[in-house]
C-alpha atoms as a PDB file:
ATOM      1  CA  MET A   1      32.530  42.806 154.571  1.00  0.00           C
ATOM      2  CA  PRO A   2      36.087  43.957 155.379  1.00  0.00           C
ATOM      3  CA  GLU A   3      36.971  47.433 155.832  1.00  0.00           C
ATOM      4  CA  TYR A   4      39.730  49.471 153.545  1.00  0.00           C
ATOM      5  CA  HIS A   5      42.037  51.684 155.330  1.00  0.00           C
ATOM      6  CA  PRO A   6      41.609  55.226 154.157  1.00  0.00           C
ATOM      7  CA  MET A   7      45.334  55.684 153.444  1.00  0.00           C
ATOM      8  CA  LEU A   8      45.351  52.256 151.587  1.00  0.00           C
ATOM      9  CA  LEU A   9      42.575  53.306 149.390  1.00  0.00           C
ATOM     10  CA  ALA A  10      44.048  56.846 148.688  1.00  0.00           C
ATOM     11  CA  PHE A  11      47.267  54.897 147.689  1.00  0.00           C
ATOM     12  CA  ALA A  12      45.616  52.422 145.344  1.00  0.00           C
ATOM     13  CA  THR A  13      43.649  55.228 143.776  1.00  0.00           C
ATOM     14  CA  ALA A  14      46.917  57.213 143.243  1.00  0.00           C
ATOM     15  CA  CYS A  15      48.939  54.069 141.545  1.00  0.00           C
ATOM     16  CA  ALA A  16      45.624  53.597 139.211  1.00  0.00           C
ATOM     17  CA  ALA A  17      45.815  57.033 138.233  1.00  0.00           C
ATOM     18  CA  LEU A  18      49.515  57.195 137.456  1.00  0.00           C
ATOM     19  CA  PHE A  19      49.278  53.922 135.539  1.00  0.00           C
ATOM     20  CA  LEU A  20      46.594  55.332 133.532  1.00  0.00           C
ATOM     21  CA  LEU A  21      48.138  58.726 133.027  1.00  0.00           C
ATOM     22  CA  PRO A  22      50.254  57.601 129.865  1.00  0.00           C
ATOM     23  CA  PHE A  23      47.450  56.287 128.128  1.00  0.00           C
ATOM     24  CA  VAL A  24      45.342  59.762 128.234  1.00  0.00           C
ATOM     25  CA  PRO A  25      46.829  61.128 124.916  1.00  0.00           C
ATOM     26  CA  ALA A  26      46.194  57.740 123.007  1.00  0.00           C
ATOM     27  CA  ILE A  27      42.646  57.845 124.353  1.00  0.00           C
ATOM     28  CA  ARG A  28      41.983  61.339 123.454  1.00  0.00           C
ATOM     29  CA  GLU A  29      43.568  61.021 120.176  1.00  0.00           C
ATOM     30  CA  TRP A  30      41.635  57.656 119.585  1.00  0.00           C
ATOM     31  CA  ARG A  31      38.221  59.491 120.171  1.00  0.00           C
ATOM     32  CA  ARG A  32      38.917  62.899 118.527  1.00  0.00           C
ATOM     33  CA  PRO A  33      41.931  62.211 115.701  1.00  0.00           C
ATOM     34  CA  THR A  34      43.833  65.463 115.233  1.00  0.00           C
ATOM     35  CA  ASP A  35      46.481  63.778 112.540  1.00  0.00           C
ATOM     36  CA  SER A  36      44.096  62.783 109.850  1.00  0.00           C
ATOM     37  CA  ALA A  37      45.547  65.120 107.239  1.00  0.00           C
ATOM     38  CA  ALA A  38      48.853  64.888 105.603  1.00  0.00           C
ATOM     39  CA  LEU A  39      51.721  66.655 107.435  1.00  0.00           C
ATOM     40  CA  LEU A  40      53.406  69.860 106.086  1.00  0.00           C
ATOM     41  CA  VAL A  41      56.866  69.429 104.945  1.00  0.00           C
ATOM     42  CA  PRO A  42      59.060  72.117 104.534  1.00  0.00           C
ATOM     43  CA  PRO A  43      60.279  73.197 101.259  1.00  0.00           C
ATOM     44  CA  ASP A  44      64.091  72.873 102.341  1.00  0.00           C
ATOM     45  CA  HIS A  45      63.355  69.430 103.574  1.00  0.00           C
ATOM     46  CA  ALA A  46      61.819  68.159 100.468  1.00  0.00           C
ATOM     47  CA  ALA A  47      63.679  65.529  98.798  1.00  0.00           C
ATOM     48  CA  ASP A  48      62.022  65.530  95.509  1.00  0.00           C
ATOM     49  CA  ILE A  49      64.275  66.869  92.949  1.00  0.00           C
ATOM     50  CA  ASP A  50      61.380  69.002  91.041  1.00  0.00           C
ATOM     51  CA  HIS A  51      59.792  70.061  94.285  1.00  0.00           C
ATOM     52  CA  PHE A  52      60.020  73.493  94.039  1.00  0.00           C
ATOM     53  CA  ALA A  53      59.335  73.203  90.308  1.00  0.00           C
ATOM     54  CA  ARG A  54      55.978  71.717  90.645  1.00  0.00           C
ATOM     55  CA  ARG A  55      55.112  74.310  93.340  1.00  0.00           C
ATOM     56  CA  LEU A  56      56.121  77.550  91.220  1.00  0.00           C
ATOM     57  CA  ARG A  57      54.092  75.545  88.142  1.00  0.00           C
ATOM     58  CA  ALA A  58      50.973  75.195  90.223  1.00  0.00           C
ATOM     59  CA  ASP A  59      51.267  79.005  91.496  1.00  0.00           C
ATOM     60  CA  ALA A  60      51.662  80.186  87.667  1.00  0.00           C
ATOM     61  CA  GLN A  61      48.888  77.801  86.402  1.00  0.00           C
ATOM     62  CA  ALA A  62      46.476  79.364  88.803  1.00  0.00           C
ATOM     63  CA  ARG A  63      47.655  82.892  87.902  1.00  0.00           C
ATOM     64  CA  LEU A  64      46.872  82.057  84.232  1.00  0.00           C
ATOM     65  CA  GLY A  65      43.496  80.695  85.242  1.00  0.00           C
ATOM     66  CA  HIS A  66      44.462  77.091  84.232  1.00  0.00           C
ATOM     67  CA  GLY A  67      44.196  75.591  87.635  1.00  0.00           C
ATOM     68  CA  GLU A  68      42.926  75.709  91.067  1.00  0.00           C
ATOM     69  CA  SER A  69      43.891  78.711  93.470  1.00  0.00           C
ATOM     70  CA  THR A  70      47.090  77.957  95.574  1.00  0.00           C
ATOM     71  CA  GLY A  71      46.874  81.412  97.565  1.00  0.00           C
ATOM     72  CA  TYR A  72      50.482  82.084  96.108  1.00  0.00           C
ATOM     73  CA  GLU A  73      49.687  83.044  92.486  1.00  0.00           C
ATOM     74  CA  SER A  74      50.916  86.691  92.739  1.00  0.00           C
ATOM     75  CA  PHE A  75      53.277  87.273  89.880  1.00  0.00           C
ATOM     76  CA  ASP A  76      54.386  90.508  87.690  1.00  0.00           C
ATOM     77  CA  LEU A  77      53.809  89.945  84.143  1.00  0.00           C
ATOM     78  CA  ILE A  78      56.879  90.484  81.958  1.00  0.00           C
ATOM     79  CA  SER A  79      56.961  90.738  78.122  1.00  0.00           C
ATOM     80  CA  PRO A  80      58.834  87.994  76.499  1.00  0.00           C
ATOM     81  CA  ASP A  81      60.999  90.530  74.622  1.00  0.00           C
ATOM     82  CA  ALA A  82      61.374  92.830  77.604  1.00  0.00           C
ATOM     83  CA  ALA A  83      65.005  94.576  78.096  1.00  0.00           C
ATOM     84  CA  PRO A  84      67.642  92.736  80.219  1.00  0.00           C
ATOM     85  CA  ALA A  85      66.908  95.672  82.946  1.00  0.00           C
ATOM     86  CA  ALA A  86      63.439  94.704  83.300  1.00  0.00           C
ATOM     87  CA  TRP A  87      64.249  91.206  84.432  1.00  0.00           C
ATOM     88  CA  ALA A  88      67.128  92.365  86.995  1.00  0.00           C
ATOM     89  CA  SER A  89      64.952  94.965  88.593  1.00  0.00           C
ATOM     90  CA  ALA A  90      61.760  92.836  89.551  1.00  0.00           C
ATOM     91  CA  ARG A  91      60.687  92.918  92.989  1.00  0.00           C
ATOM     92  CA  ALA A  92      58.326  89.877  92.567  1.00  0.00           C
ATOM     93  CA  ARG A  93      58.252  86.499  90.795  1.00  0.00           C
ATOM     94  CA  LEU A  94      58.009  86.984  86.965  1.00  0.00           C
ATOM     95  CA  LEU A  95      55.618  85.298  84.479  1.00  0.00           C
ATOM     96  CA  ALA A  96      56.259  85.552  80.895  1.00  0.00           C
ATOM     97  CA  CYS A  97      53.827  84.237  78.276  1.00  0.00           C
ATOM     98  CA  GLY A  98      55.343  83.130  75.097  1.00  0.00           C
ATOM     99  CA  ASP A  99      58.945  82.173  73.956  1.00  0.00           C
ATOM    100  CA  VAL A 100      61.926  84.300  75.232  1.00  0.00           C
ATOM    101  CA  THR A 101      64.657  84.473  72.614  1.00  0.00           C
ATOM    102  CA  THR A 102      67.450  86.801  72.949  1.00  0.00           C
ATOM    103  CA  PRO A 103      71.394  86.575  72.457  1.00  0.00           C
ATOM    104  CA  ALA A 104      71.715  89.140  75.612  1.00  0.00           C
ATOM    105  CA  ALA A 105      72.272  88.048  79.069  1.00  0.00           C
ATOM    106  CA  ILE A 106      69.499  87.922  81.424  1.00  0.00           C
ATOM    107  CA  LEU A 107      70.001  88.561  84.966  1.00  0.00           C
ATOM    108  CA  ALA A 108      66.780  87.678  87.438  1.00  0.00           C
ATOM    109  CA  PHE A 109      66.861  87.601  91.020  1.00  0.00           C
ATOM    110  CA  GLN A 110      63.302  86.576  91.401  1.00  0.00           C
ATOM    111  CA  PRO A 111      61.939  83.128  90.381  1.00  0.00           C
ATOM    112  CA  VAL A 112      60.871  83.076  86.774  1.00  0.00           C
ATOM    113  CA  PHE A 113      58.412  81.211  85.156  1.00  0.00           C
ATOM    114  CA  VAL A 114      58.261  81.044  81.023  1.00  0.00           C
ATOM    115  CA  ASP A 115      54.970  79.583  79.450  1.00  0.00           C
ATOM    116  CA  GLY A 116      56.919  78.550  76.555  1.00  0.00           C
ATOM    117  CA  SER A 117      60.824  78.332  75.676  1.00  0.00           C
ATOM    118  CA  MET A 118      63.448  80.019  76.773  1.00  0.00           C
ATOM    119  CA  HIS A 119      66.893  80.692  74.850  1.00  0.00           C
ATOM    120  CA  VAL A 120      69.140  83.369  76.381  1.00  0.00           C
ATOM    121  CA  GLY A 121      72.771  84.525  76.021  1.00  0.00           C
ATOM    122  CA  ALA A 122      76.126  84.017  77.518  1.00  0.00           C
ATOM    123  CA  GLY A 123      76.440  85.000  81.070  1.00  0.00           C
ATOM    124  CA  SER A 124      72.870  84.540  82.089  1.00  0.00           C
ATOM    125  CA  ALA A 125      72.034  84.246  85.559  1.00  0.00           C
ATOM    126  CA  PHE A 126      68.763  83.170  87.584  1.00  0.00           C
ATOM    127  CA  SER A 127      67.977  82.075  90.977  1.00  0.00           C
ATOM    128  CA  SER A 128      65.203  79.835  89.965  1.00  0.00           C
ATOM    129  CA  LEU A 129      63.591  79.204  86.554  1.00  0.00           C
ATOM    130  CA  TYR A 130      60.758  77.111  84.948  1.00  0.00           C
ATOM    131  CA  ALA A 131      60.203  76.619  81.279  1.00  0.00           C
ATOM    132  CA  THR A 132      57.151  74.575  79.953  1.00  0.00           C
ATOM    133  CA  HIS A 133      58.960  73.805  76.845  1.00  0.00           C
ATOM    134  CA  ASP A 134      62.846  73.841  76.323  1.00  0.00           C
ATOM    135  CA  LEU A 135      65.398  75.846  78.134  1.00  0.00           C
ATOM    136  CA  GLU A 136      68.769  76.849  76.859  1.00  0.00           C
ATOM    137  CA  LEU A 137      71.082  79.221  78.688  1.00  0.00           C
ATOM    138  CA  GLY A 138      74.398  80.513  76.868  1.00  0.00           C
ATOM    139  CA  ASP A 139      78.079  79.909  77.868  1.00  0.00           C
ATOM    140  CA  GLY A 140      79.068  80.653  81.469  1.00  0.00           C
ATOM    141  CA  SER A 141      75.528  81.130  83.023  1.00  0.00           C
ATOM    142  CA  LYS A 142      74.586  80.296  86.410  1.00  0.00           C
ATOM    143  CA  ILE A 143      71.548  78.565  88.188  1.00  0.00           C
ATOM    144  CA  ALA A 144      71.780  79.555  91.876  1.00  0.00           C
ATOM    145  CA  ASP A 145      68.722  77.371  93.201  1.00  0.00           C
ATOM    146  CA  TRP A 146      66.977  75.484  90.802  1.00  0.00           C
ATOM    147  CA  ALA A 147      65.607  75.331  87.189  1.00  0.00           C
ATOM    148  CA  HIS A 148      63.301  72.898  85.407  1.00  0.00           C
ATOM    149  CA  ALA A 149      62.474  72.477  81.856  1.00  0.00           C
ATOM    150  CA  ASP A 150      59.189  70.430  80.455  1.00  0.00           C
ATOM    151  CA  GLY A 151      61.328  69.599  77.379  1.00  0.00           C
ATOM    152  CA  GLU A 152      65.176  69.922  77.082  1.00  0.00           C
ATOM    153  CA  LEU A 153      67.160  71.880  79.320  1.00  0.00           C
ATOM    154  CA  ARG A 154      70.717  72.874  77.829  1.00  0.00           C
ATOM    155  CA  LEU A 155      73.759  74.692  79.334  1.00  0.00           C
ATOM    156  CA  GLY A 156      76.512  75.980  77.394  1.00  0.00           C
ATOM    157  CA  PRO A 157      80.338  75.491  78.460  1.00  0.00           C
ATOM    158  CA  GLY A 158      81.662  77.329  81.821  1.00  0.00           C
ATOM    159  CA  SER A 159      78.095  76.887  83.202  1.00  0.00           C
ATOM    160  CA  THR A 160      77.277  76.244  86.805  1.00  0.00           C
ATOM    161  CA  ALA A 161      73.950  74.450  88.111  1.00  0.00           C
ATOM    162  CA  LEU A 162      73.844  74.476  91.927  1.00  0.00           C
ATOM    163  CA  ARG A 163      71.343  72.626  93.980  1.00  0.00           C
ATOM    164  CA  ARG A 164      68.699  71.009  91.742  1.00  0.00           C
ATOM    165  CA  VAL A 165      68.363  70.816  87.709  1.00  0.00           C
ATOM    166  CA  SER A 166      65.601  68.656  86.197  1.00  0.00           C
ATOM    167  CA  ALA A 167      63.658  68.303  82.697  1.00  0.00           C
ATOM    168  CA  GLY A 168      60.950  66.370  81.556  1.00  0.00           C
ATOM    169  CA  ALA A 169      62.811  65.118  78.158  1.00  0.00           C
ATOM    170  CA  ALA A 170      66.820  65.712  78.841  1.00  0.00           C
ATOM    171  CA  VAL A 171      69.406  67.402  80.508  1.00  0.00           C
ATOM    172  CA  LYS A 172      72.351  68.386  78.238  1.00  0.00           C
ATOM    173  CA  LEU A 173      75.489  70.093  79.982  1.00  0.00           C
ATOM    174  CA  ALA A 174      78.374  70.982  77.745  1.00  0.00           C
ATOM    175  CA  ALA A 175      81.985  70.828  79.072  1.00  0.00           C
ATOM    176  CA  PRO A 176      83.235  71.998  81.133  1.00  0.00           C
ATOM    177  CA  CYS A 177      80.220  72.430  83.667  1.00  0.00           C
ATOM    178  CA  TRP A 178      79.924  71.945  87.529  1.00  0.00           C
ATOM    179  CA  PHE A 179      76.468  70.721  89.213  1.00  0.00           C
ATOM    180  CA  GLU A 180      74.947  69.241  92.204  1.00  0.00           C
ATOM    181  CA  ARG A 181      71.975  67.295  91.401  1.00  0.00           C
ATOM    182  CA  LEU A 182      70.792  66.550  87.935  1.00  0.00           C
ATOM    183  CA  HIS A 183      67.534  64.504  87.028  1.00  0.00           C
ATOM    184  CA  ALA A 184      65.963  63.495  83.448  1.00  0.00           C
ATOM    185  CA  PRO A 185      65.261  60.553  81.602  1.00  0.00           C
ATOM    186  CA  VAL A 186      68.392  61.403  79.624  1.00  0.00           C
ATOM    187  CA  VAL A 187      71.370  63.076  81.141  1.00  0.00           C
ATOM    188  CA  ARG A 188      74.020  63.859  78.601  1.00  0.00           C
ATOM    189  CA  LEU A 189      77.289  64.924  80.032  1.00  0.00           C
ATOM    190  CA  GLY A 190      79.552  66.967  77.389  1.00  0.00           C
ATOM    191  CA  GLY A 191      79.683  66.205  73.585  1.00  0.00           C
ATOM    192  CA  PRO A 192      78.868  68.479  70.423  1.00  0.00           C
ATOM    193  CA  GLY A 193      75.192  69.019  71.550  1.00  0.00           C
ATOM    194  CA  THR A 194      74.262  65.510  72.049  1.00  0.00           C
ATOM    195  CA  GLY A 195      76.537  64.087  74.763  1.00  0.00           C
ATOM    196  CA  GLN A 196      78.397  61.683  72.261  1.00  0.00           C
ATOM    197  CA  PRO A 197      81.369  61.999  70.111  1.00  0.00           C
ATOM    198  CA  SER A 198      80.967  63.238  66.712  1.00  0.00           C
ATOM    199  CA  THR A 199      82.445  59.824  65.341  1.00  0.00           C
ATOM    200  CA  ALA A 200      81.668  56.627  67.104  1.00  0.00           C
ATOM    201  CA  PRO A 201      84.873  54.629  67.781  1.00  0.00           C
ATOM    202  CA  PRO A 202      84.889  51.284  65.734  1.00  0.00           C
ATOM    203  CA  THR A 203      83.345  48.430  67.656  1.00  0.00           C
ATOM    204  CA  PRO A 204      86.246  45.924  68.189  1.00  0.00           C
ATOM    205  CA  THR A 205      85.929  42.259  67.396  1.00  0.00           C
ATOM    206  CA  LEU A 206      86.043  40.504  70.883  1.00  0.00           C
ATOM    207  CA  PRO A 207      86.263  36.821  71.664  1.00  0.00           C
ATOM    208  CA  ALA A 208      82.949  35.076  72.998  1.00  0.00           C
ATOM    209  CA  PRO A 209      82.702  35.574  77.001  1.00  0.00           C
ATOM    210  CA  GLN A 210      83.303  32.538  78.894  1.00  0.00           C
ATOM    211  CA  THR A 211      80.954  31.501  81.905  1.00  0.00           C
ATOM    212  CA  ALA A 212      83.194  31.726  85.018  1.00  0.00           C
ATOM    213  CA  SER A 213      82.266  31.410  88.838  1.00  0.00           C
ATOM    214  CA  TYR A 214      82.916  33.348  91.938  1.00  0.00           C
ATOM    215  CA  ALA A 215      83.984  29.791  93.647  1.00  0.00           C
ATOM    216  CA  THR A 216      87.175  29.880  91.431  1.00  0.00           C
ATOM    217  CA  LEU A 217      88.250  33.297  93.246  1.00  0.00           C
ATOM    218  CA  ALA A 218      90.979  33.293  96.005  1.00  0.00           C
ATOM    219  CA  HIS A 219      89.628  33.324  99.471  1.00  0.00           C
ATOM    220  CA  ALA A 220      85.954  32.946  98.016  1.00  0.00           C
ATOM    221  CA  ILE A 221      83.229  32.080 100.687  1.00  0.00           C
ATOM    222  CA  GLN A 222      79.787  31.042  99.646  1.00  0.00           C
ATOM    223  CA  ARG A 223      77.032  32.823 101.835  1.00  0.00           C
ATOM    224  CA  THR A 224      73.928  31.736  99.875  1.00  0.00           C
ATOM    225  CA  PRO A 225      73.522  29.995  96.445  1.00  0.00           C
ATOM    226  CA  GLN A 226      73.659  33.438  94.636  1.00  0.00           C
ATOM    227  CA  LEU A 227      75.963  35.332  97.042  1.00  0.00           C
ATOM    228  CA  TYR A 228      79.769  35.071  97.615  1.00  0.00           C
ATOM    229  CA  MET A 229      82.177  36.938  99.711  1.00  0.00           C
ATOM    230  CA  VAL A 230      85.656  37.729  99.193  1.00  0.00           C
ATOM    231  CA  ARG A 231      88.154  39.003 101.873  1.00  0.00           C
ATOM    232  CA  GLY A 232      90.667  41.060 100.673  1.00  0.00           C
ATOM    233  CA  ASP A 233      91.118  42.368  97.013  1.00  0.00           C
ATOM    234  CA  CYS A 234      89.647  40.579  94.061  1.00  0.00           C
ATOM    235  CA  THR A 235      89.718  40.800  90.510  1.00  0.00           C
ATOM    236  CA  LEU A 236      87.204  39.265  87.911  1.00  0.00           C
ATOM    237  CA  ALA A 237      88.659  37.714  84.883  1.00  0.00           C
ATOM    238  CA  GLU A 238      88.302  39.521  81.428  1.00  0.00           C
ATOM    239  CA  HIS A 239      85.678  38.127  78.866  1.00  0.00           C
ATOM    240  CA  SER A 240      83.883  36.391  81.483  1.00  0.00           C
ATOM    241  CA  ILE A 241      80.297  36.439  82.646  1.00  0.00           C
ATOM    242  CA  TYR A 242      79.612  35.503  86.245  1.00  0.00           C
ATOM    243  CA  ARG A 243      76.071  35.301  87.597  1.00  0.00           C
ATOM    244  CA  GLY A 244      75.267  36.078  91.282  1.00  0.00           C
ATOM    245  CA  SER A 245      76.176  38.992  93.754  1.00  0.00           C
ATOM    246  CA  LEU A 246      79.426  39.582  95.437  1.00  0.00           C
ATOM    247  CA  VAL A 247      80.882  41.538  98.076  1.00  0.00           C
ATOM    248  CA  VAL A 248      84.308  42.243  98.722  1.00  0.00           C
ATOM    249  CA  THR A 249      86.126  43.509 101.686  1.00  0.00           C
ATOM    250  CA  GLY A 250      88.986  45.055  99.665  1.00  0.00           C
ATOM    251  CA  PHE A 251      89.138  46.508  96.038  1.00  0.00           C
ATOM    252  CA  LEU A 252      87.167  45.056  93.140  1.00  0.00           C
ATOM    253  CA  THR A 253      88.340  45.263  89.770  1.00  0.00           C
ATOM    254  CA  ILE A 254      86.110  44.169  87.087  1.00  0.00           C
ATOM    255  CA  SER A 255      88.200  43.311  84.098  1.00  0.00           C
ATOM    256  CA  PRO A 256      87.572  44.693  80.431  1.00  0.00           C
ATOM    257  CA  PHE A 257      84.366  43.059  78.650  1.00  0.00           C
ATOM    258  CA  THR A 258      83.346  41.147  81.894  1.00  0.00           C
ATOM    259  CA  THR A 259      79.672  40.984  82.590  1.00  0.00           C
ATOM    260  CA  VAL A 260      78.414  40.566  86.192  1.00  0.00           C
ATOM    261  CA  VAL A 261      74.719  39.374  86.313  1.00  0.00           C
ATOM    262  CA  GLY A 262      74.022  40.498  89.793  1.00  0.00           C
ATOM    263  CA  ASP A 263      74.831  43.277  92.607  1.00  0.00           C
ATOM    264  CA  ILE A 264      78.378  44.128  93.700  1.00  0.00           C
ATOM    265  CA  LYS A 265      79.677  45.794  96.665  1.00  0.00           C
ATOM    266  CA  ALA A 266      83.329  46.507  97.664  1.00  0.00           C
ATOM    267  CA  ARG A 267      84.740  48.323 100.987  1.00  0.00           C
ATOM    268  CA  GLY A 268      87.636  49.408  99.230  1.00  0.00           C
ATOM    269  CA  GLY A 269      86.541  50.669  96.117  1.00  0.00           C
ATOM    270  CA  ILE A 270      85.618  49.453  92.595  1.00  0.00           C
ATOM    271  CA  THR A 271      86.681  49.759  88.933  1.00  0.00           C
ATOM    272  CA  LEU A 272      84.747  48.757  86.094  1.00  0.00           C
ATOM    273  CA  GLY A 273      87.004  48.080  83.384  1.00  0.00           C
ATOM    274  CA  GLU A 274      86.501  49.152  79.324  1.00  0.00           C
ATOM    275  CA  GLY A 275      83.305  47.636  78.138  1.00  0.00           C
ATOM    276  CA  ALA A 276      82.285  45.918  81.284  1.00  0.00           C
ATOM    277  CA  VAL A 277      78.720  45.721  82.093  1.00  0.00           C
ATOM    278  CA  VAL A 278      77.044  45.085  85.735  1.00  0.00           C
ATOM    279  CA  HIS A 279      73.248  44.109  85.519  1.00  0.00           C
ATOM    280  CA  GLY A 280      72.695  45.068  89.150  1.00  0.00           C
ATOM    281  CA  ALA A 281      73.740  47.575  91.819  1.00  0.00           C
ATOM    282  CA  ILE A 282      77.128  48.925  92.300  1.00  0.00           C
ATOM    283  CA  THR A 283      77.892  49.994  96.065  1.00  0.00           C
ATOM    284  CA  CYS A 284      81.157  50.765  97.542  1.00  0.00           C
ATOM    285  CA  GLU A 285      82.474  52.666 100.859  1.00  0.00           C
ATOM    286  CA  GLN A 286      85.255  54.398  98.836  1.00  0.00           C
ATOM    287  CA  SER A 287      85.358  55.393  95.185  1.00  0.00           C
ATOM    288  CA  ALA A 288      84.081  54.008  91.945  1.00  0.00           C
ATOM    289  CA  TYR A 289      85.635  54.285  88.308  1.00  0.00           C
ATOM    290  CA  LEU A 290      83.524  53.585  85.455  1.00  0.00           C
ATOM    291  CA  LEU A 291      86.203  53.292  82.614  1.00  0.00           C
ATOM    292  CA  PRO A 292      85.117  54.218  78.780  1.00  0.00           C
ATOM    293  CA  GLY A 293      82.379  52.161  77.287  1.00  0.00           C
ATOM    294  CA  ALA A 294      81.334  50.628  80.659  1.00  0.00           C
ATOM    295  CA  LEU A 295      77.449  49.806  81.315  1.00  0.00           C
ATOM    296  CA  ALA A 296      75.734  50.027  84.863  1.00  0.00           C
ATOM    297  CA  LEU A 297      72.280  49.059  84.648  1.00  0.00           C
ATOM    298  CA  GLY A 298      71.629  49.553  88.325  1.00  0.00           C
ATOM    299  CA  PRO A 299      72.129  52.345  90.767  1.00  0.00           C
ATOM    300  CA  VAL A 300      75.764  53.537  91.525  1.00  0.00           C
ATOM    301  CA  VAL A 301      76.063  54.239  94.979  1.00  0.00           C
ATOM    302  CA  CYS A 302      79.358  55.506  96.799  1.00  0.00           C
ATOM    303  CA  GLU A 303      80.528  57.308  99.844  1.00  0.00           C
ATOM    304  CA  GLY A 304      83.536  58.488  97.982  1.00  0.00           C
ATOM    305  CA  ASP A 305      83.911  59.812  94.613  1.00  0.00           C
ATOM    306  CA  VAL A 306      82.470  58.660  91.024  1.00  0.00           C
ATOM    307  CA  MET A 307      84.099  58.910  87.835  1.00  0.00           C
ATOM    308  CA  LEU A 308      82.305  58.441  84.770  1.00  0.00           C
ATOM    309  CA  GLY A 309      84.313  57.488  81.784  1.00  0.00           C
ATOM    310  CA  ALA A 310      83.621  58.379  78.317  1.00  0.00           C
ATOM    311  CA  ARG A 311      80.833  56.534  76.579  1.00  0.00           C
ATOM    312  CA  THR A 312      79.789  55.272  80.028  1.00  0.00           C
ATOM    313  CA  VAL A 313      76.153  54.554  80.299  1.00  0.00           C
ATOM    314  CA  VAL A 314      74.323  54.085  83.520  1.00  0.00           C
ATOM    315  CA  GLY A 315      70.542  53.052  83.570  1.00  0.00           C
ATOM    316  CA  LEU A 316      68.190  52.722  80.545  1.00  0.00           C
ATOM    317  CA  PRO A 317      65.353  55.039  79.091  1.00  0.00           C
ATOM    318  CA  ASP A 318      62.850  52.584  80.607  1.00  0.00           C
ATOM    319  CA  ALA A 319      64.632  52.093  83.906  1.00  0.00           C
ATOM    320  CA  LEU A 320      65.785  55.329  85.591  1.00  0.00           C
ATOM    321  CA  THR A 321      68.403  54.803  88.163  1.00  0.00           C
ATOM    322  CA  THR A 322      70.922  57.120  90.184  1.00  0.00           C
ATOM    323  CA  VAL A 323      74.678  57.851  90.320  1.00  0.00           C
ATOM    324  CA  SER A 324      75.410  59.319  93.917  1.00  0.00           C
ATOM    325  CA  GLY A 325      78.775  60.033  95.300  1.00  0.00           C
ATOM    326  CA  ARG A 326      80.698  62.624  97.403  1.00  0.00           C
ATOM    327  CA  CYS A 327      82.017  64.163  93.955  1.00  0.00           C
ATOM    328  CA  ILE A 328      81.195  63.265  90.437  1.00  0.00           C
ATOM    329  CA  VAL A 329      83.510  63.847  87.669  1.00  0.00           C
ATOM    330  CA  ALA A 330      82.142  62.851  84.204  1.00  0.00           C
ATOM    331  CA  GLU A 331      84.272  62.843  80.882  1.00  0.00           C
ATOM    332  CA  GLU A 332      82.605  64.022  77.670  1.00  0.00           C
ATOM    333  CA  GLY A 333      80.087  61.388  76.277  1.00  0.00           C
ATOM    334  CA  ALA A 334      78.854  59.953  79.447  1.00  0.00           C
ATOM    335  CA  VAL A 335      75.070  59.369  79.781  1.00  0.00           C
ATOM    336  CA  VAL A 336      72.834  58.673  82.752  1.00  0.00           C
ATOM    337  CA  HIS A 337      69.237  57.954  82.797  1.00  0.00           C
ATOM    338  CA  GLY A 338      67.680  59.155  86.103  1.00  0.00           C
ATOM    339  CA  THR A 339      69.592  61.093  88.759  1.00  0.00           C
ATOM    340  CA  LEU A 340      73.113  62.353  89.470  1.00  0.00           C
ATOM    341  CA  TRP A 341      73.637  63.649  93.023  1.00  0.00           C
ATOM    342  CA  ALA A 342      77.022  64.988  93.779  1.00  0.00           C
ATOM    343  CA  HIS A 343      76.930  65.579  97.681  1.00  0.00           C
ATOM    344  CA  GLU A 344      79.873  68.147  97.334  1.00  0.00           C
ATOM    345  CA  ILE A 345      80.527  68.932  93.597  1.00  0.00           C
ATOM    346  CA  GLY A 346      79.938  67.393  90.235  1.00  0.00           C
ATOM    347  CA  MET A 347      81.982  68.168  87.270  1.00  0.00           C
ATOM    348  CA  VAL A 348      81.925  67.436  83.282  1.00  0.00           C
ATOM    349  CA  LYS A 349      85.412  67.587  82.263  1.00  0.00           C
ATOM    350  CA  ARG A 350      86.982  68.126  78.495  1.00  0.00           C
ATOM    351  CA  ALA A 351      87.955  64.927  77.055  1.00  0.00           C
END
């Protein structure tokens, strides 16, 4: 039987230990798992627009005895008809049971939960606010952190909605208003209470659209049966229907009353002409301009700015989508079904 030198044996043992050392944490985790529970997400890093609203609602429901304890159900009760000074002087979160209706301005520096509707006067300001029915803030009001209404949420002219604003039914912003993130099945931007002009313009008589092909475009390259690429700027003909997706390295102009059944992407920016329709996603590295009456059924995602013209519609009530851009400027009468996310600032401008 061969004999092994002690130094050689020690060297082999050390090598084996170094080889197995990286596997020790995996073996320990396999035998006694420590990550079987969901990871905690810091509130400031939550991406859901209604994250804070759901947390406050759970705390309030626990305080009212309608839900399981959260450990954070401490609130100060406040009467729905309390004087404005009582709201401003609060030192803890406020819980109002019943509708709050007053023509006066209310200032609240603590989170507010209203088990009912809330209608307050011009110049009101809240850090965070939740209403289980409708929520209406008068002219020149301000939301510093977030607000949510299970019904409709309406902001008067001159109001500012920083951070997150959401609603279960609809968000309606008068013009002018400033915002960052909005979400609702219907987001109406400007207009007399409905976000639409009081008198709809007459529908023009248009010629029947003609079927067109990307293959006829200058510098078009067919990548797949349903995908074309155009190097440089590109213009799609007016009153035409294009089927398939298109990538443009320059600026893309979709002429008025033209329909695209597919996705579009342009590095130099996109203009969606009056009455034009896109049945897919709109993506661009620069800015996108949706002129009056345009319809985009998919998401509109831009690294630059997004302009939504009057009567522009993005998304459908049963197919919510997203508008995302550095700055978003919406003319009165624009409607979005889903989410608007202005990474710097969003504005509803007067017509």
